């Protein structure tokens, strides 16, 4: 995708297409880079799309708050699951103790 309103050119005088980042910390963020950036022929050009077009950089804040909310929800889910496991473990220990007690009363074994 190219930006027709504000074309950007590489150091090698080619017009830059707009790429989209898919890495976690910048997911969805647009940027310009030389398509040959990862080869010896590339000019190494890289710039974020928002900064070049003077757009507010609120997307980072939204991404960060969304990521924080997701992590928080995940932590609550894990905490809830751990509580359920603890309750089941206490019930299991109680049932084992009752079973051992019942078995020991049923036989004339001395410990």
N, C-alpha and C. Protein backbone atom coordinates (compact mmCIF):
# COMPACT_ATOMS: atom_id res chain seq x y z
N UNK A 1 0.84 -1.16 0.00
CA UNK A 1 0.00 0.00 0.00
C UNK A 1 0.90 1.24 0.00
N UNK A 2 0.56 2.22 -0.78
CA UNK A 2 1.31 3.48 -0.84
C UNK A 2 0.47 4.60 -0.26
N UNK A 3 1.12 5.64 0.18
CA UNK A 3 0.44 6.80 0.73
C UNK A 3 0.40 7.89 -0.34
N UNK A 4 -0.72 8.05 -1.09
CA UNK A 4 -0.76 9.00 -2.19
C UNK A 4 -0.74 10.45 -1.72
N UNK A 5 -1.19 10.73 -0.50
CA UNK A 5 -1.22 12.11 -0.01
C UNK A 5 0.15 12.64 0.37
N UNK A 6 1.00 11.78 0.83
CA UNK A 6 2.31 12.20 1.31
C UNK A 6 3.33 11.14 0.94
N UNK A 7 3.72 11.06 -0.35
CA UNK A 7 4.65 10.00 -0.75
C UNK A 7 6.00 10.14 -0.04
N UNK A 8 6.55 9.01 0.30
CA UNK A 8 7.84 8.95 0.97
C UNK A 8 8.77 8.16 0.07
N UNK A 9 10.01 8.62 -0.03
CA UNK A 9 10.98 7.97 -0.91
C UNK A 9 12.15 7.44 -0.10
N UNK A 10 12.64 6.28 -0.53
CA UNK A 10 13.83 5.70 0.08
C UNK A 10 15.04 6.55 -0.25
N UNK A 11 16.13 6.19 0.41
CA UNK A 11 17.41 6.82 0.08
C UNK A 11 17.82 6.46 -1.34
N UNK A 12 17.28 5.33 -1.84
CA UNK A 12 17.62 4.90 -3.20
C UNK A 12 16.63 5.46 -4.23
N UNK A 13 15.83 6.47 -3.85
CA UNK A 13 14.89 7.20 -4.72
C UNK A 13 13.71 6.38 -5.25
N UNK A 14 13.30 5.34 -4.57
CA UNK A 14 12.09 4.60 -4.90
C UNK A 14 11.01 5.00 -3.90
N UNK A 15 9.75 5.05 -4.37
CA UNK A 15 8.67 5.39 -3.45
C UNK A 15 8.41 4.24 -2.49
N UNK A 16 8.24 4.56 -1.21
CA UNK A 16 8.06 3.56 -0.16
C UNK A 16 6.63 3.05 -0.09
N UNK A 17 6.44 1.74 -0.07
CA UNK A 17 5.12 1.21 0.29
C UNK A 17 4.98 1.23 1.81
N UNK A 18 3.76 1.12 2.29
CA UNK A 18 3.50 1.07 3.72
C UNK A 18 3.34 -0.40 4.12
N UNK A 19 4.10 -0.81 5.12
CA UNK A 19 4.03 -2.16 5.66
C UNK A 19 3.30 -2.12 6.99
N UNK A 20 2.82 -3.26 7.45
CA UNK A 20 2.16 -3.37 8.75
C UNK A 20 2.95 -4.34 9.61
N UNK A 21 3.23 -3.91 10.84
CA UNK A 21 3.97 -4.75 11.79
C UNK A 21 3.01 -5.75 12.43
N UNK A 22 3.47 -7.00 12.58
CA UNK A 22 2.65 -8.03 13.22
C UNK A 22 3.33 -8.60 14.46
N UNK A 23 4.35 -7.92 14.96
CA UNK A 23 5.01 -8.35 16.19
C UNK A 23 4.21 -7.81 17.38
N UNK A 24 4.28 -8.51 18.50
CA UNK A 24 3.41 -8.22 19.64
C UNK A 24 3.50 -6.78 20.13
N UNK A 25 4.70 -6.24 20.27
CA UNK A 25 4.81 -4.92 20.87
C UNK A 25 4.41 -3.77 19.94
N UNK A 26 4.31 -3.99 18.65
CA UNK A 26 3.88 -2.95 17.71
C UNK A 26 2.82 -3.46 16.74
N UNK A 27 2.07 -4.47 17.14
CA UNK A 27 1.11 -5.12 16.25
C UNK A 27 0.10 -4.12 15.68
N UNK A 28 0.00 -4.12 14.35
CA UNK A 28 -0.94 -3.24 13.66
C UNK A 28 -0.36 -1.88 13.31
N UNK A 29 0.82 -1.59 13.78
CA UNK A 29 1.44 -0.29 13.52
C UNK A 29 2.02 -0.28 12.10
N UNK A 30 1.82 0.81 11.38
CA UNK A 30 2.29 0.94 10.00
C UNK A 30 3.70 1.53 9.97
N UNK A 31 4.46 1.14 8.95
CA UNK A 31 5.82 1.68 8.81
C UNK A 31 6.26 1.64 7.35
N UNK A 32 7.27 2.44 7.07
CA UNK A 32 7.93 2.43 5.77
C UNK A 32 9.28 1.74 5.95
N UNK A 33 9.67 0.93 4.99
CA UNK A 33 11.03 0.39 4.98
C UNK A 33 11.38 -0.02 3.56
N UNK A 34 12.65 -0.04 3.28
CA UNK A 34 13.13 -0.48 1.98
C UNK A 34 12.82 -1.97 1.83
N UNK A 35 12.19 -2.39 0.71
CA UNK A 35 11.87 -3.80 0.56
C UNK A 35 13.11 -4.69 0.52
N UNK A 36 14.23 -4.11 0.21
CA UNK A 36 15.49 -4.87 0.18
C UNK A 36 16.27 -4.64 1.46
N UNK A 37 15.59 -4.23 2.51
CA UNK A 37 16.22 -3.88 3.78
C UNK A 37 17.04 -5.01 4.37
N UNK A 38 16.64 -6.23 4.10
CA UNK A 38 17.32 -7.39 4.70
C UNK A 38 18.38 -7.98 3.79
N UNK A 39 18.71 -7.30 2.72
CA UNK A 39 19.75 -7.79 1.82
C UNK A 39 20.85 -6.74 1.72
N UNK A 40 21.93 -7.11 1.08
CA UNK A 40 23.04 -6.18 0.92
C UNK A 40 22.68 -5.03 -0.02
N UNK A 41 21.68 -5.24 -0.90
CA UNK A 41 21.28 -4.20 -1.85
C UNK A 41 20.40 -3.13 -1.21
N UNK A 42 19.86 -3.39 -0.03
CA UNK A 42 18.94 -2.45 0.61
C UNK A 42 19.65 -1.21 1.12
N UNK A 43 18.90 -0.11 1.18
CA UNK A 43 19.47 1.14 1.66
C UNK A 43 19.29 1.30 3.17
N UNK A 44 18.54 0.36 3.81
CA UNK A 44 18.37 0.40 5.26
C UNK A 44 17.32 1.38 5.74
N UNK A 45 16.50 1.92 4.83
CA UNK A 45 15.51 2.92 5.20
C UNK A 45 14.41 2.30 6.06
N UNK A 46 14.07 2.97 7.19
CA UNK A 46 12.97 2.54 8.06
C UNK A 46 12.43 3.76 8.80
N UNK A 47 11.11 3.96 8.76
CA UNK A 47 10.44 5.03 9.51
C UNK A 47 9.03 4.57 9.85
N UNK A 48 8.56 4.94 11.05
CA UNK A 48 7.17 4.66 11.41
C UNK A 48 6.24 5.57 10.63
N UNK A 49 5.13 5.05 10.16
CA UNK A 49 4.15 5.79 9.36
C UNK A 49 3.55 6.94 10.15
N UNK A 50 3.14 6.72 11.41
CA UNK A 50 2.48 7.76 12.21
C UNK A 50 3.36 8.98 12.40
N UNK A 51 4.63 8.77 12.67
CA UNK A 51 5.53 9.89 12.94
C UNK A 51 5.73 10.76 11.70
N UNK A 52 5.82 10.14 10.54
CA UNK A 52 6.04 10.92 9.32
C UNK A 52 4.81 11.73 8.93
N UNK A 53 3.63 11.25 9.30
CA UNK A 53 2.40 11.93 8.92
C UNK A 53 1.82 12.76 10.06
N UNK A 54 2.59 12.97 11.12
CA UNK A 54 2.18 13.78 12.26
C UNK A 54 0.85 13.34 12.86
N UNK A 55 0.58 12.05 12.84
CA UNK A 55 -0.63 11.53 13.46
C UNK A 55 -0.36 11.32 14.94
N UNK A 56 -1.37 11.50 15.77
CA UNK A 56 -1.13 11.24 17.20
C UNK A 56 -0.77 9.78 17.41
N UNK A 57 0.11 9.57 18.32
CA UNK A 57 0.60 8.22 18.56
C UNK A 57 -0.20 7.54 19.68
N UNK A 58 -1.51 7.77 19.68
CA UNK A 58 -2.38 7.18 20.69
C UNK A 58 -2.53 5.69 20.52
N UNK A 59 -2.22 5.16 19.35
CA UNK A 59 -2.38 3.72 19.11
C UNK A 59 -1.51 2.91 20.07
N UNK A 60 -0.31 3.42 20.38
CA UNK A 60 0.54 2.69 21.32
C UNK A 60 -0.12 2.59 22.68
N UNK A 61 -0.73 3.69 23.13
CA UNK A 61 -1.43 3.67 24.41
C UNK A 61 -2.59 2.71 24.39
N UNK A 62 -3.34 2.70 23.28
CA UNK A 62 -4.47 1.77 23.17
C UNK A 62 -3.99 0.33 23.15
N UNK A 63 -2.92 0.08 22.39
CA UNK A 63 -2.37 -1.28 22.33
C UNK A 63 -1.88 -1.72 23.70
N UNK A 64 -1.18 -0.80 24.39
CA UNK A 64 -0.65 -1.15 25.70
C UNK A 64 -1.76 -1.40 26.71
N UNK A 65 -2.82 -0.56 26.70
CA UNK A 65 -3.91 -0.77 27.64
C UNK A 65 -4.68 -2.03 27.31
N UNK A 66 -4.84 -2.32 26.01
CA UNK A 66 -5.52 -3.55 25.60
C UNK A 66 -4.70 -4.77 26.03
N UNK A 67 -3.39 -4.71 25.83
CA UNK A 67 -2.53 -5.82 26.24
C UNK A 67 -2.57 -6.00 27.75
N UNK A 68 -2.59 -4.87 28.49
CA UNK A 68 -2.66 -4.94 29.95
C UNK A 68 -3.98 -5.57 30.40
N UNK A 69 -5.08 -5.20 29.74
CA UNK A 69 -6.38 -5.77 30.07
C UNK A 69 -6.41 -7.27 29.79
N UNK A 70 -5.83 -7.68 28.67
CA UNK A 70 -5.78 -9.10 28.33
C UNK A 70 -4.96 -9.86 29.37
N UNK A 71 -3.80 -9.31 29.75
CA UNK A 71 -2.96 -9.96 30.76
C UNK A 71 -3.67 -10.04 32.10
N UNK A 72 -4.38 -8.95 32.45
CA UNK A 72 -5.11 -8.92 33.71
C UNK A 72 -6.21 -9.98 33.72
N UNK A 73 -6.97 -10.07 32.63
CA UNK A 73 -8.02 -11.09 32.52
C UNK A 73 -7.43 -12.49 32.60
N UNK A 74 -6.28 -12.68 31.98
CA UNK A 74 -5.61 -13.98 32.01
C UNK A 74 -5.17 -14.32 33.44
N UNK A 75 -4.64 -13.31 34.15
CA UNK A 75 -4.20 -13.53 35.53
C UNK A 75 -5.39 -13.89 36.42
N UNK A 76 -6.53 -13.21 36.22
CA UNK A 76 -7.74 -13.52 37.00
C UNK A 76 -8.19 -14.94 36.70
N UNK A 77 -8.15 -15.33 35.44
CA UNK A 77 -8.55 -16.68 35.04
C UNK A 77 -7.65 -17.73 35.69
N UNK A 78 -6.35 -17.49 35.67
CA UNK A 78 -5.40 -18.43 36.27
C UNK A 78 -5.61 -18.51 37.78
N UNK A 79 -5.83 -17.35 38.43
CA UNK A 79 -6.07 -17.33 39.87
C UNK A 79 -7.32 -18.12 40.22
N UNK A 80 -8.36 -17.96 39.42
CA UNK A 80 -9.61 -18.69 39.64
C UNK A 80 -9.39 -20.20 39.49
N UNK A 81 -8.64 -20.59 38.47
CA UNK A 81 -8.35 -22.01 38.25
C UNK A 81 -7.53 -22.58 39.41
N UNK A 82 -6.56 -21.81 39.91
CA UNK A 82 -5.75 -22.28 41.04
C UNK A 82 -6.60 -22.46 42.28
N UNK A 83 -7.54 -21.55 42.51
CA UNK A 83 -8.44 -21.66 43.66
C UNK A 83 -9.29 -22.93 43.55
N UNK A 84 -9.79 -23.21 42.36
CA UNK A 84 -10.58 -24.43 42.16
C UNK A 84 -9.73 -25.68 42.42
N UNK A 85 -8.49 -25.66 41.96
CA UNK A 85 -7.59 -26.80 42.19
C UNK A 85 -7.32 -26.98 43.68
N UNK A 86 -7.10 -25.88 44.41
CA UNK A 86 -6.86 -25.96 45.86
C UNK A 86 -8.07 -26.55 46.58
N UNK A 87 -9.26 -26.10 46.19
CA UNK A 87 -10.49 -26.62 46.81
C UNK A 87 -10.62 -28.12 46.55
N UNK A 88 -10.40 -28.53 45.31
CA UNK A 88 -10.48 -29.96 44.97
C UNK A 88 -9.43 -30.77 45.73
N UNK A 89 -8.25 -30.21 45.91
CA UNK A 89 -7.18 -30.90 46.64
C UNK A 89 -7.56 -31.08 48.11
N UNK A 90 -8.14 -30.06 48.73
CA UNK A 90 -8.57 -30.16 50.13
C UNK A 90 -9.67 -31.21 50.26
N UNK A 91 -10.63 -31.21 49.33
CA UNK A 91 -11.70 -32.22 49.36
C UNK A 91 -11.11 -33.62 49.20
N UNK A 92 -10.17 -33.78 48.29
CA UNK A 92 -9.55 -35.08 48.05
C UNK A 92 -8.81 -35.56 49.30
N UNK A 93 -8.05 -34.67 49.94
CA UNK A 93 -7.31 -35.04 51.16
C UNK A 93 -8.30 -35.43 52.27
N UNK A 94 -9.39 -34.68 52.39
CA UNK A 94 -10.41 -35.01 53.38
C UNK A 94 -11.00 -36.40 53.13
N UNK A 95 -11.34 -36.68 51.87
CA UNK A 95 -11.92 -37.99 51.53
C UNK A 95 -10.93 -39.12 51.79
N UNK A 96 -9.67 -38.91 51.48
CA UNK A 96 -8.64 -39.93 51.75
C UNK A 96 -8.52 -40.16 53.25
N UNK A 97 -8.55 -39.08 54.04
CA UNK A 97 -8.46 -39.22 55.50
C UNK A 97 -9.66 -40.00 56.04
N UNK A 98 -10.85 -39.69 55.53
CA UNK A 98 -12.06 -40.41 55.97
C UNK A 98 -11.96 -41.88 55.58
N UNK A 99 -11.50 -42.17 54.38
CA UNK A 99 -11.37 -43.55 53.92
C UNK A 99 -10.35 -44.31 54.76
N UNK A 100 -9.22 -43.71 55.05
CA UNK A 100 -8.19 -44.36 55.88
C UNK A 100 -8.74 -44.60 57.28
N UNK A 101 -9.45 -43.63 57.82
CA UNK A 101 -10.03 -43.76 59.16
C UNK A 101 -11.06 -44.89 59.17
N UNK A 102 -11.90 -44.97 58.14
CA UNK A 102 -12.92 -46.03 58.06
C UNK A 102 -12.27 -47.40 57.95
N UNK A 103 -11.23 -47.51 57.15
CA UNK A 103 -10.54 -48.78 56.99
C UNK A 103 -9.84 -49.21 58.27
N UNK A 104 -9.26 -48.24 58.97
CA UNK A 104 -8.54 -48.58 60.20
C UNK A 104 -9.51 -49.01 61.31
N UNK A 105 -10.73 -48.51 61.31
CA UNK A 105 -11.73 -48.91 62.30
C UNK A 105 -12.28 -50.29 61.96
N UNK A 106 -12.29 -50.62 60.70
CA UNK A 106 -12.85 -51.90 60.26
C UNK A 106 -11.94 -53.07 60.51
N UNK A 107 -10.66 -52.84 60.67
CA UNK A 107 -9.74 -53.94 60.91
C UNK A 107 -9.09 -53.75 62.27
N UNK A 108 -8.60 -54.80 62.83
CA UNK A 108 -7.97 -54.73 64.15
C UNK A 108 -6.46 -54.55 64.00
N UNK A 109 -6.07 -53.67 63.13
CA UNK A 109 -4.65 -53.42 62.89
C UNK A 109 -4.15 -52.42 63.91
N UNK A 110 -2.93 -52.60 64.33
CA UNK A 110 -2.32 -51.63 65.24
C UNK A 110 -1.15 -50.98 64.52
N UNK A 111 -1.15 -49.69 64.57
CA UNK A 111 -0.08 -48.93 63.89
C UNK A 111 0.97 -48.53 64.86
